[in-house]
Structures are given as structure tokens and as C-alpha cells.
Amino acid sequence: MTEANHFARINAHYARADLADDILGGLRRAGKDPEHLAYDDLSPVDQFHTLGKQATDDLATLARLAPGMRVLDLGGGLGGPARTLASEYGCQVTVLDITEEYCRIGALLTQRAGLGKHVLFRHGDALDIPFDDGQFDVVWTQHCTMNIEDKDRLCSEMRRVLRPDGRAALHEIMAGPNQPIHFPVPWASVPELSFLQPPERVRSHIERNGFEILELRDGSAAATEWFRARLSAPPAPPPPLGLHLLVGPASRTVFENVLRNFEEGRTVVIQAVCRTL
């Protein structure tokens, strides 16, 4: 598959017809004013990763974020983590995402949450980051790398755009000891879109591209319990806002596969903080 075809398939996988209207309608049904949002009004739909906003706060604490830091959020989607980092940690955040619709909707929601001066969106590729060297204090990823095959190039680009003594903060799904995984999952409907590697191999990519790993934690048990709790209730009509708006009609099957992959040791979740050398 050519690079252009791969990007097109990734865009097609994540794009949803009328997603903006669905989110704005969900906000109204939830009793929110879509024209004047608080950033956390969106948390049921814009924290598209295991453990939701809790994981964003945990990673921000682990990375020791501080006011004024310039953060590049790779694969930041609709901008939930970026708005959290801007509002709660005082960071200036740029979201880079390959899905054009996510960038467009994310910018719209950010403006309506009054954060347009603090969170910017850029449509682009994490393997060819469209920024000069040394522009950021932190590169941030939450469930971004699963669709990226060339981990070396990704780590090299992350290192390039970081200042000296910059940090990379990662919260990522990786391959467990038992393979293959069950599909569909949120990041891939078919195996050709998924490029998981085991943590030890990802660690080698990170270290040989100019990083020192400061922290590395396995969050698989907590992620498993989080999904188990959410799937334990009998099927019911979905709430006005939720990740089902992003995943589509098969969302229950998709999330059941996520849980099954965790339970069977086919996937793991890792949080890591690295420092540039």
C-alpha cells in the first residue's frame, strides 16, 4: 500500500458523516449550550483513549507539565487532551492530526469553549511533522501510534521538534504476548491499518532516536477494569454524548473486542515519559 493510500484509508476509517452535527445535537440533548461550552462539557466524546480524562491527567502529572509549556499533541483528534492541558495546566498546545475532519471539528469546538488562542489545530502527518526543529517543550501522544508502521521515523521526528531537554509523553496501546488481536478495534477495522509492536521493541525505537526513558508504566490492568465496568451493564440506548459517536453503529462490538484483547493478553497499555539526550 502506498503512503497516500494508507493516509486515505486512515481518514476514511476515522471520518464520520455528520459528526459535527451529532456532537452538537448530543450537547443540546445533554442540556449544554453548543455555542458557549466549558471544555469539560465535551469530555464524554473527546477523550478518545482508555481511562478517558483520568489518563490525560495521569500523563500530565507524570510528565510534570507546567504553565507556559509548548506542547505538540500528535494524533490529538478532536482536541480533548489539548483543551485539558490548556485549561488545567496552562500549556500552549498544537494538535497535529491526519484526519482532516477531526481537525475541523476540533477547531470549532475549541473556539466555542473559548480556547482558540491556546489550542491550535494543524492537519498533517506525524511522520513528517510540519514544524521547525526545537519548537516544542513536550511532544504528547495518546493512542496515536497504533496506525503508524514506521516507529523509528516517528521517534526521529518527535526528537527533531523538541528543544534540548524536552520531553515525550506517551499513553499508547501496544502488542501483548499473544497475537493476533481481534478486529475491529477503535483504531482499525482490518489488520492492514494496525501496526502494534510490543513494549520492548517500542522502547528500542525510542532509545536509539535520542531519548532517555524516565518513566515506563504498564496500565493494562486499570484499562481492562475500565472497559469491563463500562461493558458490564446490559445493552441500552446510548447517552447523548459518548465515544459511540466516533466509533459508529458497531461501537459495542468494537469495545468488546478491546476488552477481549486486554483480557487475553493480546494488547497492553503503556504510559511513558522520555527526555531528549
C-alpha atoms as a PDB file:
ATOM      1  CA  MET A   1       0.000   0.000   0.000  1.00  0.00           C
ATOM      2  CA  THR A   2       1.391   3.423  -0.921  1.00  0.00           C
ATOM      3  CA  GLU A   3       1.724   6.126   1.723  1.00  0.00           C
ATOM      4  CA  ALA A   4      -1.007   8.204   0.068  1.00  0.00           C
ATOM      5  CA  ASN A   5      -3.379   5.232   0.006  1.00  0.00           C
ATOM      6  CA  HIS A   6      -2.635   4.485   3.646  1.00  0.00           C
ATOM      7  CA  PHE A   7      -3.427   8.075   4.663  1.00  0.00           C
ATOM      8  CA  ALA A   8      -6.668   7.952   2.674  1.00  0.00           C
ATOM      9  CA  ARG A   9      -7.705   4.722   4.385  1.00  0.00           C
ATOM     10  CA  ILE A  10      -6.930   6.139   7.825  1.00  0.00           C
ATOM     11  CA  ASN A  11      -9.013   9.227   7.057  1.00  0.00           C
ATOM     12  CA  ALA A  12     -11.850   7.043   5.820  1.00  0.00           C
ATOM     13  CA  HIS A  13     -11.663   4.881   8.928  1.00  0.00           C
ATOM     14  CA  TYR A  14     -11.971   7.778  11.386  1.00  0.00           C
ATOM     15  CA  ALA A  15     -14.242  10.110   9.419  1.00  0.00           C
ATOM     16  CA  ARG A  16     -17.958  10.005  10.276  1.00  0.00           C
ATOM     17  CA  ALA A  17     -20.721  11.588   8.230  1.00  0.00           C
ATOM     18  CA  ASP A  18     -22.386  14.442  10.106  1.00  0.00           C
ATOM     19  CA  LEU A  19     -20.082  14.021  13.125  1.00  0.00           C
ATOM     20  CA  ALA A  20     -20.161  17.729  13.977  1.00  0.00           C
ATOM     21  CA  ASP A  21     -23.963  17.781  13.874  1.00  0.00           C
ATOM     22  CA  ASP A  22     -24.113  14.630  16.009  1.00  0.00           C
ATOM     23  CA  ILE A  23     -21.839  16.140  18.653  1.00  0.00           C
ATOM     24  CA  LEU A  24     -23.647  19.489  18.724  1.00  0.00           C
ATOM     25  CA  GLY A  25     -27.015  17.716  18.872  1.00  0.00           C
ATOM     26  CA  GLY A  26     -25.745  15.499  21.686  1.00  0.00           C
ATOM     27  CA  LEU A  27     -24.645  18.559  23.621  1.00  0.00           C
ATOM     28  CA  ARG A  28     -28.122  20.058  23.316  1.00  0.00           C
ATOM     29  CA  ARG A  29     -29.745  16.822  24.484  1.00  0.00           C
ATOM     30  CA  ALA A  30     -27.340  16.763  27.414  1.00  0.00           C
ATOM     31  CA  GLY A  31     -28.505  20.233  28.434  1.00  0.00           C
ATOM     32  CA  LYS A  32     -25.406  22.107  27.237  1.00  0.00           C
ATOM     33  CA  ASP A  33     -25.243  25.255  25.134  1.00  0.00           C
ATOM     34  CA  PRO A  34     -23.260  24.331  21.998  1.00  0.00           C
ATOM     35  CA  GLU A  35     -22.468  27.992  21.354  1.00  0.00           C
ATOM     36  CA  HIS A  36     -20.865  28.547  24.758  1.00  0.00           C
ATOM     37  CA  LEU A  37     -19.090  25.453  26.028  1.00  0.00           C
ATOM     38  CA  ALA A  38     -16.959  24.671  29.016  1.00  0.00           C
ATOM     39  CA  TYR A  39     -14.081  22.473  27.854  1.00  0.00           C
ATOM     40  CA  ASP A  40     -15.146  19.606  30.138  1.00  0.00           C
ATOM     41  CA  ASP A  41     -18.654  19.580  28.632  1.00  0.00           C
ATOM     42  CA  LEU A  42     -17.026  17.602  25.827  1.00  0.00           C
ATOM     43  CA  SER A  43     -15.175  15.002  27.906  1.00  0.00           C
ATOM     44  CA  PRO A  44     -17.595  12.123  27.155  1.00  0.00           C
ATOM     45  CA  VAL A  45     -16.755  12.367  23.444  1.00  0.00           C
ATOM     46  CA  ASP A  46     -13.337  13.971  23.074  1.00  0.00           C
ATOM     47  CA  GLN A  47     -11.096  11.835  25.321  1.00  0.00           C
ATOM     48  CA  PHE A  48     -10.746   9.026  22.761  1.00  0.00           C
ATOM     49  CA  HIS A  49      -8.492   6.665  24.735  1.00  0.00           C
ATOM     50  CA  THR A  50      -8.579   4.191  27.603  1.00  0.00           C
ATOM     51  CA  LEU A  51      -9.453   5.632  31.032  1.00  0.00           C
ATOM     52  CA  GLY A  52     -10.708   8.843  29.413  1.00  0.00           C
ATOM     53  CA  LYS A  53      -9.773  12.132  31.069  1.00  0.00           C
ATOM     54  CA  GLN A  54      -8.217  10.323  34.035  1.00  0.00           C
ATOM     55  CA  ALA A  55      -5.460   9.055  31.735  1.00  0.00           C
ATOM     56  CA  THR A  56      -4.830  12.572  30.427  1.00  0.00           C
ATOM     57  CA  ASP A  57      -4.443  13.912  33.958  1.00  0.00           C
ATOM     58  CA  ASP A  58      -2.236  10.977  34.971  1.00  0.00           C
ATOM     59  CA  LEU A  59       0.084  11.500  31.997  1.00  0.00           C
ATOM     60  CA  ALA A  60       0.241  15.267  32.568  1.00  0.00           C
ATOM     61  CA  THR A  61       1.303  14.646  36.170  1.00  0.00           C
ATOM     62  CA  LEU A  62       3.841  12.020  35.119  1.00  0.00           C
ATOM     63  CA  ALA A  63       5.297  14.418  32.519  1.00  0.00           C
ATOM     64  CA  ARG A  64       5.407  17.295  35.032  1.00  0.00           C
ATOM     65  CA  LEU A  65       3.668  19.751  32.761  1.00  0.00           C
ATOM     66  CA  ALA A  66       3.890  23.392  33.784  1.00  0.00           C
ATOM     67  CA  PRO A  67       2.275  26.666  32.690  1.00  0.00           C
ATOM     68  CA  GLY A  68       3.709  28.144  29.524  1.00  0.00           C
ATOM     69  CA  MET A  69       4.989  24.877  28.079  1.00  0.00           C
ATOM     70  CA  ARG A  70       4.602  24.445  24.327  1.00  0.00           C
ATOM     71  CA  VAL A  71       3.038  21.047  23.655  1.00  0.00           C
ATOM     72  CA  LEU A  72       2.625  19.242  20.334  1.00  0.00           C
ATOM     73  CA  ASP A  73      -0.217  16.715  20.566  1.00  0.00           C
ATOM     74  CA  LEU A  74       0.319  14.124  17.839  1.00  0.00           C
ATOM     75  CA  GLY A  75      -2.878  12.416  16.729  1.00  0.00           C
ATOM     76  CA  GLY A  76      -4.817  14.692  19.065  1.00  0.00           C
ATOM     77  CA  GLY A  77      -8.132  14.091  17.305  1.00  0.00           C
ATOM     78  CA  LEU A  78     -10.955  16.376  18.425  1.00  0.00           C
ATOM     79  CA  GLY A  79      -8.652  18.036  20.947  1.00  0.00           C
ATOM     80  CA  GLY A  80      -9.922  16.782  24.302  1.00  0.00           C
ATOM     81  CA  PRO A  81      -6.484  16.290  25.872  1.00  0.00           C
ATOM     82  CA  ALA A  82      -5.229  19.532  24.296  1.00  0.00           C
ATOM     83  CA  ARG A  83      -8.082  21.546  25.821  1.00  0.00           C
ATOM     84  CA  THR A  84      -7.401  19.878  29.181  1.00  0.00           C
ATOM     85  CA  LEU A  85      -3.700  20.757  29.018  1.00  0.00           C
ATOM     86  CA  ALA A  86      -4.521  24.351  28.109  1.00  0.00           C
ATOM     87  CA  SER A  87      -7.255  24.840  30.712  1.00  0.00           C
ATOM     88  CA  GLU A  88      -5.867  22.934  33.677  1.00  0.00           C
ATOM     89  CA  TYR A  89      -2.100  23.087  33.135  1.00  0.00           C
ATOM     90  CA  GLY A  90      -1.636  26.421  31.353  1.00  0.00           C
ATOM     91  CA  CYS A  91       0.039  24.958  28.272  1.00  0.00           C
ATOM     92  CA  GLN A  92       0.010  26.270  24.722  1.00  0.00           C
ATOM     93  CA  VAL A  93      -0.987  23.251  22.630  1.00  0.00           C
ATOM     94  CA  THR A  94      -0.850  22.466  18.923  1.00  0.00           C
ATOM     95  CA  VAL A  95      -2.810  19.445  17.724  1.00  0.00           C
ATOM     96  CA  LEU A  96      -1.491  17.624  14.664  1.00  0.00           C
ATOM     97  CA  ASP A  97      -3.843  15.018  13.235  1.00  0.00           C
ATOM     98  CA  ILE A  98      -4.023  13.151   9.949  1.00  0.00           C
ATOM     99  CA  THR A  99      -7.845  13.108   9.937  1.00  0.00           C
ATOM    100  CA  GLU A 100      -8.931  16.383   8.375  1.00  0.00           C
ATOM    101  CA  GLU A 101     -12.466  16.185   9.765  1.00  0.00           C
ATOM    102  CA  TYR A 102     -11.151  15.840  13.317  1.00  0.00           C
ATOM    103  CA  CYS A 103      -9.064  18.986  12.871  1.00  0.00           C
ATOM    104  CA  ARG A 104     -12.009  20.953  11.510  1.00  0.00           C
ATOM    105  CA  ILE A 105     -14.429  19.844  14.238  1.00  0.00           C
ATOM    106  CA  GLY A 106     -11.783  20.169  16.943  1.00  0.00           C
ATOM    107  CA  ALA A 107     -11.096  23.773  15.982  1.00  0.00           C
ATOM    108  CA  LEU A 108     -14.841  24.527  16.006  1.00  0.00           C
ATOM    109  CA  LEU A 109     -15.328  23.040  19.477  1.00  0.00           C
ATOM    110  CA  THR A 110     -12.219  24.771  20.788  1.00  0.00           C
ATOM    111  CA  GLN A 111     -13.455  28.165  19.632  1.00  0.00           C
ATOM    112  CA  ARG A 112     -16.815  27.573  21.294  1.00  0.00           C
ATOM    113  CA  ALA A 113     -15.031  26.624  24.504  1.00  0.00           C
ATOM    114  CA  GLY A 114     -13.140  29.940  24.426  1.00  0.00           C
ATOM    115  CA  LEU A 115      -9.732  28.323  23.956  1.00  0.00           C
ATOM    116  CA  GLY A 116      -8.948  29.313  20.386  1.00  0.00           C
ATOM    117  CA  LYS A 117      -5.880  31.317  21.447  1.00  0.00           C
ATOM    118  CA  HIS A 118      -4.437  28.424  23.445  1.00  0.00           C
ATOM    119  CA  VAL A 119      -5.156  25.338  21.298  1.00  0.00           C
ATOM    120  CA  LEU A 120      -4.395  25.301  17.574  1.00  0.00           C
ATOM    121  CA  PHE A 121      -5.088  22.564  15.017  1.00  0.00           C
ATOM    122  CA  ARG A 122      -2.969  21.521  12.069  1.00  0.00           C
ATOM    123  CA  HIS A 123      -3.823  18.821   9.543  1.00  0.00           C
ATOM    124  CA  GLY A 124      -0.703  16.779   8.908  1.00  0.00           C
ATOM    125  CA  ASP A 125       1.398  13.671   9.260  1.00  0.00           C
ATOM    126  CA  ALA A 126       3.323  12.626  12.377  1.00  0.00           C
ATOM    127  CA  LEU A 127       5.993  11.091  10.109  1.00  0.00           C
ATOM    128  CA  ASP A 128       6.638  14.480   8.501  1.00  0.00           C
ATOM    129  CA  ILE A 129       5.861  16.996  11.237  1.00  0.00           C
ATOM    130  CA  PRO A 130       5.335  20.429   9.624  1.00  0.00           C
ATOM    131  CA  PHE A 131       7.277  22.407  12.228  1.00  0.00           C
ATOM    132  CA  ASP A 132      10.885  23.542  12.567  1.00  0.00           C
ATOM    133  CA  ASP A 133      13.438  21.895  14.822  1.00  0.00           C
ATOM    134  CA  GLY A 134      13.256  22.560  18.552  1.00  0.00           C
ATOM    135  CA  GLN A 135       9.835  24.222  18.572  1.00  0.00           C
ATOM    136  CA  PHE A 136       8.245  22.356  21.485  1.00  0.00           C
ATOM    137  CA  ASP A 137       8.863  21.564  25.138  1.00  0.00           C
ATOM    138  CA  VAL A 138       6.735  18.412  25.051  1.00  0.00           C
ATOM    139  CA  VAL A 139       5.528  16.006  22.378  1.00  0.00           C
ATOM    140  CA  TRP A 140       2.388  14.251  23.583  1.00  0.00           C
ATOM    141  CA  THR A 141       0.659  11.142  22.225  1.00  0.00           C
ATOM    142  CA  GLN A 142      -2.415   9.283  23.449  1.00  0.00           C
ATOM    143  CA  HIS A 143      -3.428   6.306  21.325  1.00  0.00           C
ATOM    144  CA  CYS A 144      -1.817   7.727  18.200  1.00  0.00           C
ATOM    145  CA  THR A 145       0.917   5.257  17.290  1.00  0.00           C
ATOM    146  CA  MET A 146      -1.231   2.184  16.553  1.00  0.00           C
ATOM    147  CA  ASN A 147      -1.787   3.354  12.949  1.00  0.00           C
ATOM    148  CA  ILE A 148       1.899   4.189  12.343  1.00  0.00           C
ATOM    149  CA  GLU A 149       4.159   1.484  10.949  1.00  0.00           C
ATOM    150  CA  ASP A 150       7.497   3.329  10.867  1.00  0.00           C
ATOM    151  CA  LYS A 151       8.153   3.809  14.589  1.00  0.00           C
ATOM    152  CA  ASP A 152      11.782   4.824  14.010  1.00  0.00           C
ATOM    153  CA  ARG A 153      10.777   7.690  11.749  1.00  0.00           C
ATOM    154  CA  LEU A 154       8.079   8.716  14.225  1.00  0.00           C
ATOM    155  CA  CYS A 155      10.555   8.832  17.125  1.00  0.00           C
ATOM    156  CA  SER A 156      13.083  10.702  14.995  1.00  0.00           C
ATOM    157  CA  GLU A 157      10.511  13.346  14.099  1.00  0.00           C
ATOM    158  CA  MET A 158       9.414  13.675  17.725  1.00  0.00           C
ATOM    159  CA  ARG A 159      13.034  14.190  18.765  1.00  0.00           C
ATOM    160  CA  ARG A 160      13.630  16.732  15.988  1.00  0.00           C
ATOM    161  CA  VAL A 161      10.875  19.139  17.015  1.00  0.00           C
ATOM    162  CA  LEU A 162      11.756  19.045  20.730  1.00  0.00           C
ATOM    163  CA  ARG A 163      14.041  21.580  22.363  1.00  0.00           C
ATOM    164  CA  PRO A 164      17.115  20.397  24.289  1.00  0.00           C
ATOM    165  CA  ASP A 165      15.975  18.591  27.447  1.00  0.00           C
ATOM    166  CA  GLY A 166      12.460  18.349  26.007  1.00  0.00           C
ATOM    167  CA  ARG A 167      10.091  15.526  26.894  1.00  0.00           C
ATOM    168  CA  ALA A 168       7.957  12.994  25.105  1.00  0.00           C
ATOM    169  CA  ALA A 169       4.844  11.797  26.949  1.00  0.00           C
ATOM    170  CA  LEU A 170       3.146   8.671  25.600  1.00  0.00           C
ATOM    171  CA  HIS A 171      -0.005   6.757  26.501  1.00  0.00           C
ATOM    172  CA  GLU A 172      -0.221   4.003  23.919  1.00  0.00           C
ATOM    173  CA  ILE A 173      -1.730   0.629  23.134  1.00  0.00           C
ATOM    174  CA  MET A 174       0.963  -1.903  22.207  1.00  0.00           C
ATOM    175  CA  ALA A 175       1.149  -5.564  21.293  1.00  0.00           C
ATOM    176  CA  GLY A 176       0.803  -8.113  24.071  1.00  0.00           C
ATOM    177  CA  PRO A 177       2.483 -11.538  24.147  1.00  0.00           C
ATOM    178  CA  ASN A 178      -0.453 -13.297  22.451  1.00  0.00           C
ATOM    179  CA  GLN A 179      -1.155 -12.497  18.819  1.00  0.00           C
ATOM    180  CA  PRO A 180      -3.024 -11.699  16.635  1.00  0.00           C
ATOM    181  CA  ILE A 181      -5.581  -9.268  18.016  1.00  0.00           C
ATOM    182  CA  HIS A 182      -9.320  -9.414  17.428  1.00  0.00           C
ATOM    183  CA  PHE A 183     -10.782  -6.919  14.955  1.00  0.00           C
ATOM    184  CA  PRO A 184     -12.496  -4.500  14.601  1.00  0.00           C
ATOM    185  CA  VAL A 185     -10.984  -2.186  17.210  1.00  0.00           C
ATOM    186  CA  PRO A 186     -11.307   1.616  17.501  1.00  0.00           C
ATOM    187  CA  TRP A 187      -8.140   2.299  15.512  1.00  0.00           C
ATOM    188  CA  ALA A 188      -8.585  -0.316  12.799  1.00  0.00           C
ATOM    189  CA  SER A 189     -11.396  -2.265  11.199  1.00  0.00           C
ATOM    190  CA  VAL A 190      -8.903  -4.580   9.454  1.00  0.00           C
ATOM    191  CA  PRO A 191      -5.344  -5.773  10.236  1.00  0.00           C
ATOM    192  CA  GLU A 192      -3.838  -3.672   7.424  1.00  0.00           C
ATOM    193  CA  LEU A 193      -4.467  -0.480   9.415  1.00  0.00           C
ATOM    194  CA  SER A 194      -2.931  -1.688  12.691  1.00  0.00           C
ATOM    195  CA  PHE A 195       0.799  -1.641  13.498  1.00  0.00           C
ATOM    196  CA  LEU A 196       1.171  -2.644  17.128  1.00  0.00           C
ATOM    197  CA  GLN A 197       4.589  -3.554  18.476  1.00  0.00           C
ATOM    198  CA  PRO A 198       5.496  -4.975  21.907  1.00  0.00           C
ATOM    199  CA  PRO A 199       6.751  -2.501  24.530  1.00  0.00           C
ATOM    200  CA  GLU A 200      10.327  -3.783  24.440  1.00  0.00           C
ATOM    201  CA  ARG A 201      10.564  -3.105  20.703  1.00  0.00           C
ATOM    202  CA  VAL A 202       8.992   0.341  21.054  1.00  0.00           C
ATOM    203  CA  ARG A 203      11.481   1.063  23.822  1.00  0.00           C
ATOM    204  CA  SER A 204      14.343   0.282  21.443  1.00  0.00           C
ATOM    205  CA  HIS A 205      12.929   2.701  18.838  1.00  0.00           C
ATOM    206  CA  ILE A 206      12.698   5.433  21.461  1.00  0.00           C
ATOM    207  CA  GLU A 207      16.180   4.957  22.872  1.00  0.00           C
ATOM    208  CA  ARG A 208      18.034   4.754  19.586  1.00  0.00           C
ATOM    209  CA  ASN A 209      16.440   8.001  18.402  1.00  0.00           C
ATOM    210  CA  GLY A 210      17.881  10.235  21.091  1.00  0.00           C
ATOM    211  CA  PHE A 211      15.658   9.715  24.132  1.00  0.00           C
ATOM    212  CA  GLU A 212      16.215   8.553  27.679  1.00  0.00           C
ATOM    213  CA  ILE A 213      13.184   6.845  29.233  1.00  0.00           C
ATOM    214  CA  LEU A 214      12.435   8.388  32.623  1.00  0.00           C
ATOM    215  CA  GLU A 215       9.210   6.521  33.432  1.00  0.00           C
ATOM    216  CA  LEU A 216       7.504   3.499  31.899  1.00  0.00           C
ATOM    217  CA  ARG A 217       4.354   2.084  33.448  1.00  0.00           C
ATOM    218  CA  ASP A 218       2.008  -0.697  32.415  1.00  0.00           C
ATOM    219  CA  GLY A 219      -1.593   0.450  32.750  1.00  0.00           C
ATOM    220  CA  SER A 220      -3.183  -2.676  31.274  1.00  0.00           C
ATOM    221  CA  ALA A 221      -4.914  -3.846  34.460  1.00  0.00           C
ATOM    222  CA  ALA A 222      -6.592  -0.488  35.026  1.00  0.00           C
ATOM    223  CA  ALA A 223      -7.609  -0.262  31.362  1.00  0.00           C
ATOM    224  CA  THR A 224      -9.101  -3.749  31.472  1.00  0.00           C
ATOM    225  CA  GLU A 225     -11.186  -2.925  34.534  1.00  0.00           C
ATOM    226  CA  TRP A 226     -12.291   0.372  32.988  1.00  0.00           C
ATOM    227  CA  PHE A 227     -13.660  -1.361  29.895  1.00  0.00           C
ATOM    228  CA  ARG A 228     -15.086  -4.231  31.926  1.00  0.00           C
ATOM    229  CA  ALA A 229     -17.052  -1.801  34.093  1.00  0.00           C
ATOM    230  CA  ARG A 230     -18.449   0.008  31.063  1.00  0.00           C
ATOM    231  CA  LEU A 231     -19.478  -3.168  29.288  1.00  0.00           C
ATOM    232  CA  SER A 232     -20.913  -4.989  32.297  1.00  0.00           C
ATOM    233  CA  ALA A 233     -24.321  -3.311  32.066  1.00  0.00           C
ATOM    234  CA  PRO A 234     -26.917  -4.786  29.687  1.00  0.00           C
ATOM    235  CA  PRO A 235     -27.102  -3.060  26.286  1.00  0.00           C
ATOM    236  CA  ALA A 236     -29.123   0.149  26.475  1.00  0.00           C
ATOM    237  CA  PRO A 237     -29.753   3.201  24.308  1.00  0.00           C
ATOM    238  CA  PRO A 238     -26.527   5.214  24.127  1.00  0.00           C
ATOM    239  CA  PRO A 239     -26.213   8.520  26.006  1.00  0.00           C
ATOM    240  CA  PRO A 240     -26.382  11.821  24.094  1.00  0.00           C
ATOM    241  CA  LEU A 241     -22.593  12.142  24.127  1.00  0.00           C
ATOM    242  CA  GLY A 242     -20.099   9.325  24.035  1.00  0.00           C
ATOM    243  CA  LEU A 243     -17.387   7.585  22.089  1.00  0.00           C
ATOM    244  CA  HIS A 244     -20.050   5.711  20.139  1.00  0.00           C
ATOM    245  CA  LEU A 245     -20.410   8.903  18.064  1.00  0.00           C
ATOM    246  CA  LEU A 246     -16.815   8.450  16.910  1.00  0.00           C
ATOM    247  CA  VAL A 247     -16.780   4.673  16.531  1.00  0.00           C
ATOM    248  CA  GLY A 248     -20.135   4.257  14.781  1.00  0.00           C
ATOM    249  CA  PRO A 249     -23.006   1.753  14.931  1.00  0.00           C
ATOM    250  CA  ALA A 250     -20.764  -1.217  15.771  1.00  0.00           C
ATOM    251  CA  SER A 251     -19.330   0.519  18.841  1.00  0.00           C
ATOM    252  CA  ARG A 252     -20.359  -2.181  21.319  1.00  0.00           C
ATOM    253  CA  THR A 253     -18.686  -4.914  19.268  1.00  0.00           C
ATOM    254  CA  VAL A 254     -15.600  -2.731  18.851  1.00  0.00           C
ATOM    255  CA  PHE A 255     -15.267  -2.074  22.589  1.00  0.00           C
ATOM    256  CA  GLU A 256     -15.968  -5.723  23.419  1.00  0.00           C
ATOM    257  CA  ASN A 257     -13.008  -6.585  21.200  1.00  0.00           C
ATOM    258  CA  VAL A 258     -10.841  -4.056  23.042  1.00  0.00           C
ATOM    259  CA  LEU A 259     -11.717  -5.730  26.342  1.00  0.00           C
ATOM    260  CA  ARG A 260     -11.180  -9.221  24.940  1.00  0.00           C
ATOM    261  CA  ASN A 261      -7.760  -8.232  23.592  1.00  0.00           C
ATOM    262  CA  PHE A 262      -6.731  -6.946  27.021  1.00  0.00           C
ATOM    263  CA  GLU A 263      -8.100  -9.970  28.841  1.00  0.00           C
ATOM    264  CA  GLU A 264      -6.351 -12.411  26.508  1.00  0.00           C
ATOM    265  CA  GLY A 265      -3.003 -10.600  26.644  1.00  0.00           C
ATOM    266  CA  ARG A 266      -3.160  -9.536  23.012  1.00  0.00           C
ATOM    267  CA  THR A 267      -2.765  -5.838  23.833  1.00  0.00           C
ATOM    268  CA  VAL A 268      -1.248  -3.813  26.658  1.00  0.00           C
ATOM    269  CA  VAL A 269      -1.362  -0.120  27.589  1.00  0.00           C
ATOM    270  CA  ILE A 270       1.837   1.739  28.410  1.00  0.00           C
ATOM    271  CA  GLN A 271       2.472   5.209  29.814  1.00  0.00           C
ATOM    272  CA  ALA A 272       5.981   6.561  29.314  1.00  0.00           C
ATOM    273  CA  VAL A 273       7.845   9.816  29.760  1.00  0.00           C
ATOM    274  CA  CYS A 274      11.159  10.322  27.939  1.00  0.00           C
ATOM    275  CA  ARG A 275      13.761  13.079  27.871  1.00  0.00           C
ATOM    276  CA  THR A 276      15.852  14.185  24.916  1.00  0.00           C
ATOM    277  CA  LEU A 277      19.565  13.457  25.148  1.00  0.00           C
END
